[in-house]
Amino acid sequence: MKQWMLLLTVFTVVAAMITGCGPQAASAPAKFVIAYLPQESDTQTQQTYKAFETKLSEAIGMPVESYKATSYNAAIEAMRNNKADIAMFGPFSYIVAVERAGVEPIVGVTIPAMTESPASVIIVPKDSPIEKLEDLKGKTFGFVDPVSTTGHLFPKATLVKKLGLTAEELDTSFFKSVQFAGKHDNAVIGVVRGQYDAAAMSAMIPDMLVQRGLIEKDSYRILASSEAMAPVTPLAIRSGIPQETKEKVKSFLLGYQDPAYFKAVMNSDQARFVEVKDSAFDPVRETAKLLHLSPEQLLNH
C-alpha cells in the first residue's frame, strides 16, 4: 500500500511539472516583442514607433523590442512560435492569426471619419486604356498580400461581385497573371511604374504616397472602390501572455493619445485606440467564405 501511495505521489508531482511547463502555461516574458507588419516606412515613422515602444516599456515594466515581419504570414508564424507578442493586423489576417496562432484582440484602432469610406481601391496608370473592370481581362494585376484585408480580400470580393465571376475563375482564367506586391506602397508604385496593368490596395495609401512625395498626384486613376469596412484595425496579443501583462498593455494603449503615432500608423491624427471584441470581425469571416479563402490556402501562397 505504501508503495502505491509513493507511486501516486510521484506521478502527481511529475504531472504537475509537465502541466506547468506546457505550451498553455502563462509565464512572465523577459521582454515584450512587437511585430510590425509590411507597410511603407521612413525615418520619422521609425522614430515615432521607437517613442511608442519606450513609453510602453515604462508602462509594463519590461524591455520592449520590435522587428519588421517580411509578410503577414511571417508575423502570424512568429506569434504562433512565441517569437512575437503583439501585432497590428488587418481584419482578415487577424482572423487567420486567431485560427493559426491562437491570438486574441486587445484593442482596435479606429478613424471615426472613415466609417463610410471605401476600404480598398483598384487603380491603373493615368494614361491606361483600361476604363472599366471588364477591361482587366487578360491583364497583369497586383494584390498586396494573400492575407491582406484591404489589399486582397475586399478588392477581390469587389471584382467577384461586379464581374459576376467566381473566385476560382478570377484566380485561374480572368487575368494574364497575378502577383503579390508584399506592401501597399509597392502595389501603388508597381502600377505607376508599369509593373502591373492594375493593382488593389488600401484606399488611403495612394494619397499618402502623394503627400510624402513618392508619386505624382496625377500618376494614377481609381478604377473601382470596394464597400466600406468596419473602421477597426485590430491589435492582437499572444494568448499565452500573463493576464496581468495583458491588462497593463491594454490600459496603456487605451490611454495613448500621441497624434504623431496615429498619423504614422493610420495616416490620420484623429485615429485612436478603442475596445474591441473578436465578434466584430465575423463579417470578414463571412466574406472569406464567399471567396472560398481558407487559412490553409492563404498561408500556403
Protein backbone atom coordinates (compact mmCIF):
# COMPACT_ATOMS: atom_id res chain seq x y z
CA MET A 1 0.00 0.00 0.00
CA LYS A 2 2.83 2.38 0.87
CA GLN A 3 4.46 1.63 -2.48
CA TRP A 4 1.24 2.56 -4.32
CA MET A 5 0.93 5.78 -2.31
CA LEU A 6 4.54 6.65 -3.14
CA LEU A 7 3.98 5.99 -6.86
CA LEU A 8 0.81 8.08 -6.83
CA THR A 9 2.64 10.95 -5.16
CA VAL A 10 5.49 10.80 -7.67
CA PHE A 11 3.01 10.68 -10.59
CA THR A 12 1.12 13.68 -9.23
CA VAL A 13 4.29 15.75 -8.86
CA VAL A 14 5.52 14.85 -12.35
CA ALA A 15 2.12 15.61 -13.87
CA ALA A 16 2.09 18.99 -12.18
CA MET A 17 5.54 19.76 -13.52
CA ILE A 18 4.55 18.80 -17.06
CA THR A 19 1.36 20.85 -16.88
CA GLY A 20 3.22 23.87 -15.57
CA CYS A 21 5.75 23.67 -18.39
CA GLY A 22 3.20 23.07 -21.15
CA PRO A 23 2.50 25.49 -24.03
CA GLN A 24 -0.66 26.80 -22.35
CA ALA A 25 1.16 27.92 -19.19
CA ALA A 26 1.41 31.71 -18.99
CA SER A 27 4.76 32.83 -17.60
CA ALA A 28 6.04 36.36 -17.45
CA PRO A 29 8.25 37.01 -20.52
CA ALA A 30 11.67 38.58 -20.13
CA LYS A 31 10.80 41.06 -22.88
CA PHE A 32 7.80 42.13 -24.91
CA VAL A 33 8.17 41.88 -28.70
CA ILE A 34 6.18 43.86 -31.28
CA ALA A 35 5.97 42.55 -34.84
CA TYR A 36 5.35 45.34 -37.34
CA LEU A 37 3.55 44.31 -40.49
CA PRO A 38 4.77 45.18 -44.01
CA GLN A 39 3.97 48.81 -44.77
CA GLU A 40 5.54 52.00 -46.02
CA SER A 41 8.08 53.40 -43.61
CA ASP A 42 10.51 56.30 -43.29
CA THR A 43 12.89 57.69 -40.68
CA GLN A 44 10.21 59.81 -39.00
CA THR A 45 7.87 56.83 -38.75
CA GLN A 46 10.59 54.69 -37.22
CA GLN A 47 11.31 57.38 -34.62
CA THR A 48 7.61 57.59 -33.78
CA TYR A 49 7.46 53.83 -33.29
CA LYS A 50 10.56 53.95 -31.08
CA ALA A 51 8.99 56.59 -28.83
CA PHE A 52 5.88 54.42 -28.56
CA GLU A 53 7.98 51.38 -27.59
CA THR A 54 9.85 53.34 -24.93
CA LYS A 55 6.62 54.51 -23.28
CA LEU A 56 5.11 51.03 -23.49
CA SER A 57 8.20 49.58 -21.82
CA GLU A 58 7.83 52.03 -18.93
CA ALA A 59 4.14 51.18 -18.57
CA ILE A 60 4.54 47.40 -18.43
CA GLY A 61 7.84 47.25 -16.59
CA MET A 62 9.86 45.22 -19.07
CA PRO A 63 12.02 45.79 -22.17
CA VAL A 64 10.12 46.23 -25.43
CA GLU A 65 11.70 45.16 -28.71
CA SER A 66 10.39 45.19 -32.26
CA TYR A 67 11.14 43.93 -35.74
CA LYS A 68 9.54 44.22 -39.15
CA ALA A 69 8.00 40.98 -40.36
CA THR A 70 8.51 40.17 -44.04
CA SER A 71 4.84 39.26 -44.52
CA TYR A 72 1.56 38.79 -42.69
CA ASN A 73 2.24 35.06 -42.68
CA ALA A 74 5.65 35.62 -41.07
CA ALA A 75 4.08 37.69 -38.29
CA ILE A 76 1.44 35.01 -37.67
CA GLU A 77 4.08 32.30 -37.50
CA ALA A 78 6.20 34.42 -35.14
CA MET A 79 3.26 34.72 -32.74
CA ARG A 80 2.44 31.03 -33.08
CA ASN A 81 6.04 30.17 -32.13
CA ASN A 82 6.17 32.67 -29.25
CA LYS A 83 8.69 34.87 -31.09
CA ALA A 84 6.37 37.91 -31.12
CA ASP A 85 3.84 39.02 -28.54
CA ILE A 86 1.69 41.62 -30.30
CA ALA A 87 0.99 42.82 -33.83
CA MET A 88 -1.42 45.11 -35.63
CA PHE A 89 -3.21 43.03 -38.26
CA GLY A 90 -5.70 43.80 -40.95
CA PRO A 91 -9.11 42.28 -40.14
CA PHE A 92 -8.60 39.24 -42.39
CA SER A 93 -5.02 38.49 -41.40
CA TYR A 94 -6.31 38.81 -37.83
CA ILE A 95 -8.89 36.04 -38.24
CA VAL A 96 -6.20 33.82 -39.77
CA ALA A 97 -3.95 34.60 -36.80
CA VAL A 98 -6.76 33.65 -34.42
CA GLU A 99 -7.12 30.27 -36.08
CA ARG A 100 -3.45 29.52 -36.58
CA ALA A 101 -1.73 31.26 -33.66
CA GLY A 102 -4.47 31.48 -31.02
CA VAL A 103 -4.16 35.26 -30.66
CA GLU A 104 -6.84 37.46 -29.13
CA PRO A 105 -7.79 41.11 -29.70
CA ILE A 106 -6.57 43.52 -27.05
CA VAL A 107 -7.68 46.83 -28.62
CA GLY A 108 -8.63 48.19 -32.01
CA VAL A 109 -7.66 51.33 -33.88
CA THR A 110 -10.46 53.36 -35.40
CA ILE A 111 -10.80 56.50 -37.51
CA PRO A 112 -14.29 57.90 -36.87
CA ALA A 113 -14.34 59.92 -40.11
CA MET A 114 -13.72 56.82 -42.25
CA THR A 115 -16.90 54.96 -41.29
CA GLU A 116 -18.39 55.39 -44.76
CA SER A 117 -15.16 55.47 -46.78
CA PRO A 118 -14.25 52.60 -49.14
CA ALA A 119 -11.84 50.10 -47.69
CA SER A 120 -9.92 49.47 -50.90
CA VAL A 121 -9.32 50.89 -54.36
CA ILE A 122 -8.23 49.40 -57.66
CA ILE A 123 -6.01 51.76 -59.62
CA VAL A 124 -4.50 51.93 -63.11
CA PRO A 125 -1.85 54.22 -64.59
CA LYS A 126 -3.04 57.70 -65.56
CA ASP A 127 -2.79 57.07 -69.31
CA SER A 128 -4.05 53.46 -69.24
CA PRO A 129 -6.60 52.41 -71.89
CA ILE A 130 -8.41 50.45 -69.17
CA GLU A 131 -11.71 52.24 -68.49
CA LYS A 132 -13.84 49.62 -66.71
CA LEU A 133 -13.35 46.43 -64.71
CA GLU A 134 -14.16 44.23 -67.71
CA ASP A 135 -11.10 45.70 -69.45
CA LEU A 136 -8.90 43.98 -66.88
CA LYS A 137 -9.40 40.62 -68.58
CA GLY A 138 -6.07 39.30 -69.82
CA LYS A 139 -4.11 41.98 -67.94
CA THR A 140 -1.49 41.76 -65.19
CA PHE A 141 -2.81 42.52 -61.71
CA GLY A 142 -1.18 43.18 -58.34
CA PHE A 143 -2.59 42.44 -54.90
CA VAL A 144 -0.71 43.24 -51.68
CA ASP A 145 -0.54 40.02 -49.65
CA PRO A 146 -2.64 36.84 -49.59
CA VAL A 147 -3.95 37.64 -46.09
CA SER A 148 -4.32 41.41 -46.52
CA THR A 149 -7.88 42.58 -45.92
CA THR A 150 -7.76 45.78 -47.96
CA GLY A 151 -5.03 44.59 -50.32
CA HIS A 152 -6.61 41.27 -51.31
CA LEU A 153 -9.83 40.14 -49.62
CA PHE A 154 -12.03 43.20 -50.12
CA PRO A 155 -10.91 44.15 -53.64
CA LYS A 156 -11.22 40.53 -54.75
CA ALA A 157 -14.77 40.45 -53.39
CA THR A 158 -15.47 43.64 -55.33
CA LEU A 159 -14.21 42.04 -58.56
CA VAL A 160 -16.21 38.85 -57.98
CA LYS A 161 -19.44 40.74 -57.33
CA LYS A 162 -19.13 43.34 -60.10
CA LEU A 163 -17.82 41.00 -62.79
CA GLY A 164 -20.18 38.14 -61.96
CA LEU A 165 -17.32 35.67 -61.64
CA THR A 166 -16.46 33.02 -59.10
CA ALA A 167 -13.30 33.41 -57.06
CA GLU A 168 -11.87 30.39 -58.88
CA GLU A 169 -12.49 31.98 -62.31
CA LEU A 170 -10.86 35.19 -61.17
CA ASP A 171 -7.80 33.31 -59.95
CA THR A 172 -7.33 30.94 -62.86
CA SER A 173 -8.57 32.45 -66.12
CA PHE A 174 -9.51 36.13 -65.92
CA PHE A 175 -6.11 37.80 -65.50
CA LYS A 176 -2.99 37.19 -67.54
CA SER A 177 -1.09 36.96 -64.27
CA VAL A 178 -1.49 37.89 -60.61
CA GLN A 179 1.36 38.95 -58.32
CA PHE A 180 1.58 39.89 -54.64
CA ALA A 181 3.49 43.10 -54.05
CA GLY A 182 4.14 42.47 -50.35
CA LYS A 183 3.36 46.04 -49.25
CA HIS A 184 0.59 48.51 -50.09
CA ASP A 185 3.02 51.14 -51.31
CA ASN A 186 4.73 48.58 -53.58
CA ALA A 187 1.37 47.87 -55.22
CA VAL A 188 0.79 51.57 -55.92
CA ILE A 189 4.31 52.18 -57.18
CA GLY A 190 4.10 48.99 -59.27
CA VAL A 191 1.15 50.47 -61.16
CA VAL A 192 2.76 53.89 -61.59
CA ARG A 193 5.97 52.32 -62.91
CA GLY A 194 4.21 49.88 -65.23
CA GLN A 195 4.93 46.68 -63.34
CA TYR A 196 1.20 45.89 -63.23
CA ASP A 197 -1.63 46.96 -65.51
CA ALA A 198 -3.71 47.46 -62.36
CA ALA A 199 -3.47 46.79 -58.65
CA ALA A 200 -5.51 46.87 -55.44
CA MET A 201 -4.58 48.36 -52.08
CA SER A 202 -5.93 50.16 -49.02
CA ALA A 203 -7.87 53.23 -50.15
CA MET A 204 -5.76 55.62 -48.08
CA ILE A 205 -2.37 54.55 -49.46
CA PRO A 206 -2.20 56.31 -52.88
CA ASP A 207 -2.92 59.72 -51.36
CA MET A 208 -0.49 59.00 -48.54
CA LEU A 209 2.28 58.39 -51.08
CA VAL A 210 1.36 61.61 -52.89
CA GLN A 211 1.64 63.55 -49.62
CA ARG A 212 5.07 62.03 -49.00
CA GLY A 213 6.24 62.97 -52.48
CA LEU A 214 6.80 59.37 -53.58
CA ILE A 215 4.42 59.55 -56.55
CA GLU A 216 2.81 62.35 -58.57
CA LYS A 217 -0.78 63.30 -57.77
CA ASP A 218 -1.99 62.63 -61.33
CA SER A 219 0.07 59.48 -61.94
CA TYR A 220 -2.86 57.07 -61.42
CA ARG A 221 -6.63 56.75 -61.78
CA ILE A 222 -9.05 54.97 -59.45
CA LEU A 223 -10.88 52.33 -61.48
CA ALA A 224 -13.11 50.95 -58.72
CA SER A 225 -13.67 51.13 -54.98
CA SER A 226 -14.78 48.47 -52.52
CA GLU A 227 -17.51 48.77 -49.95
CA ALA A 228 -16.80 50.45 -46.63
CA MET A 229 -15.35 48.27 -43.92
CA ALA A 230 -15.98 48.47 -40.19
CA PRO A 231 -13.25 51.01 -39.35
CA VAL A 232 -11.48 48.97 -36.69
CA THR A 233 -7.96 47.65 -37.15
CA PRO A 234 -7.19 45.01 -34.50
CA LEU A 235 -4.11 44.76 -32.33
CA ALA A 236 -3.75 41.11 -31.40
CA ILE A 237 -1.82 39.78 -28.44
CA ARG A 238 -0.49 36.29 -27.84
CA SER A 239 -2.93 34.40 -25.62
CA GLY A 240 -0.07 32.92 -23.55
CA ILE A 241 0.92 36.32 -22.19
CA PRO A 242 0.09 36.56 -18.45
CA GLN A 243 -3.22 38.29 -17.74
CA GLU A 244 -1.53 40.93 -15.60
CA THR A 245 0.70 41.93 -18.52
CA LYS A 246 -2.27 41.96 -20.90
CA GLU A 247 -4.11 44.33 -18.61
CA LYS A 248 -1.10 46.67 -18.38
CA VAL A 249 -0.71 46.69 -22.16
CA LYS A 250 -4.43 47.33 -22.71
CA SER A 251 -4.53 50.13 -20.14
CA PHE A 252 -1.51 51.78 -21.77
CA LEU A 253 -2.97 51.54 -25.27
CA LEU A 254 -6.41 52.87 -24.37
CA GLY A 255 -4.76 55.87 -22.73
CA TYR A 256 -2.26 56.54 -25.54
CA GLN A 257 -3.05 59.75 -27.42
CA ASP A 258 0.01 60.74 -29.46
CA PRO A 259 -1.29 62.22 -32.76
CA ALA A 260 2.07 61.63 -34.47
CA TYR A 261 1.84 57.90 -33.75
CA PHE A 262 -1.65 57.60 -35.21
CA LYS A 263 -0.63 59.68 -38.22
CA ALA A 264 2.21 57.25 -38.87
CA VAL A 265 0.11 54.13 -38.32
CA MET A 266 -3.25 55.11 -39.83
CA ASN A 267 -2.44 58.28 -41.78
CA SER A 268 -4.82 60.17 -39.51
CA ASP A 269 -4.09 62.06 -36.31
CA GLN A 270 -7.78 61.58 -35.48
CA ALA A 271 -7.38 57.82 -35.00
CA ARG A 272 -7.50 56.33 -31.53
CA PHE A 273 -7.38 53.01 -29.67
CA VAL A 274 -10.76 51.58 -28.64
CA GLU A 275 -12.21 48.48 -27.01
CA VAL A 276 -12.85 45.66 -29.49
CA LYS A 277 -14.29 42.14 -29.43
CA ASP A 278 -13.49 39.19 -31.66
CA SER A 279 -17.11 39.10 -32.87
CA ALA A 280 -16.56 42.45 -34.62
CA PHE A 281 -14.73 40.54 -37.34
CA ASP A 282 -17.43 37.98 -38.10
CA PRO A 283 -18.46 39.89 -41.28
CA VAL A 284 -14.90 39.47 -42.54
CA ARG A 285 -15.14 35.75 -41.87
CA GLU A 286 -18.33 35.66 -43.96
CA THR A 287 -16.59 37.44 -46.85
CA ALA A 288 -13.78 34.89 -46.67
CA LYS A 289 -16.36 32.12 -47.01
CA LEU A 290 -17.85 33.86 -50.05
CA LEU A 291 -14.45 33.79 -51.71
CA HIS A 292 -13.62 30.25 -50.52
CA LEU A 293 -10.46 31.62 -48.91
CA SER A 294 -9.35 29.29 -46.14
CA PRO A 295 -6.33 29.92 -43.91
CA GLU A 296 -4.66 26.84 -45.38
CA GLN A 297 -4.95 28.20 -48.93
CA LEU A 298 -3.67 31.62 -47.96
CA LEU A 299 -0.80 30.57 -45.74
CA ASN A 300 0.49 28.22 -48.42
CA HIS A 301 0.78 31.03 -51.01
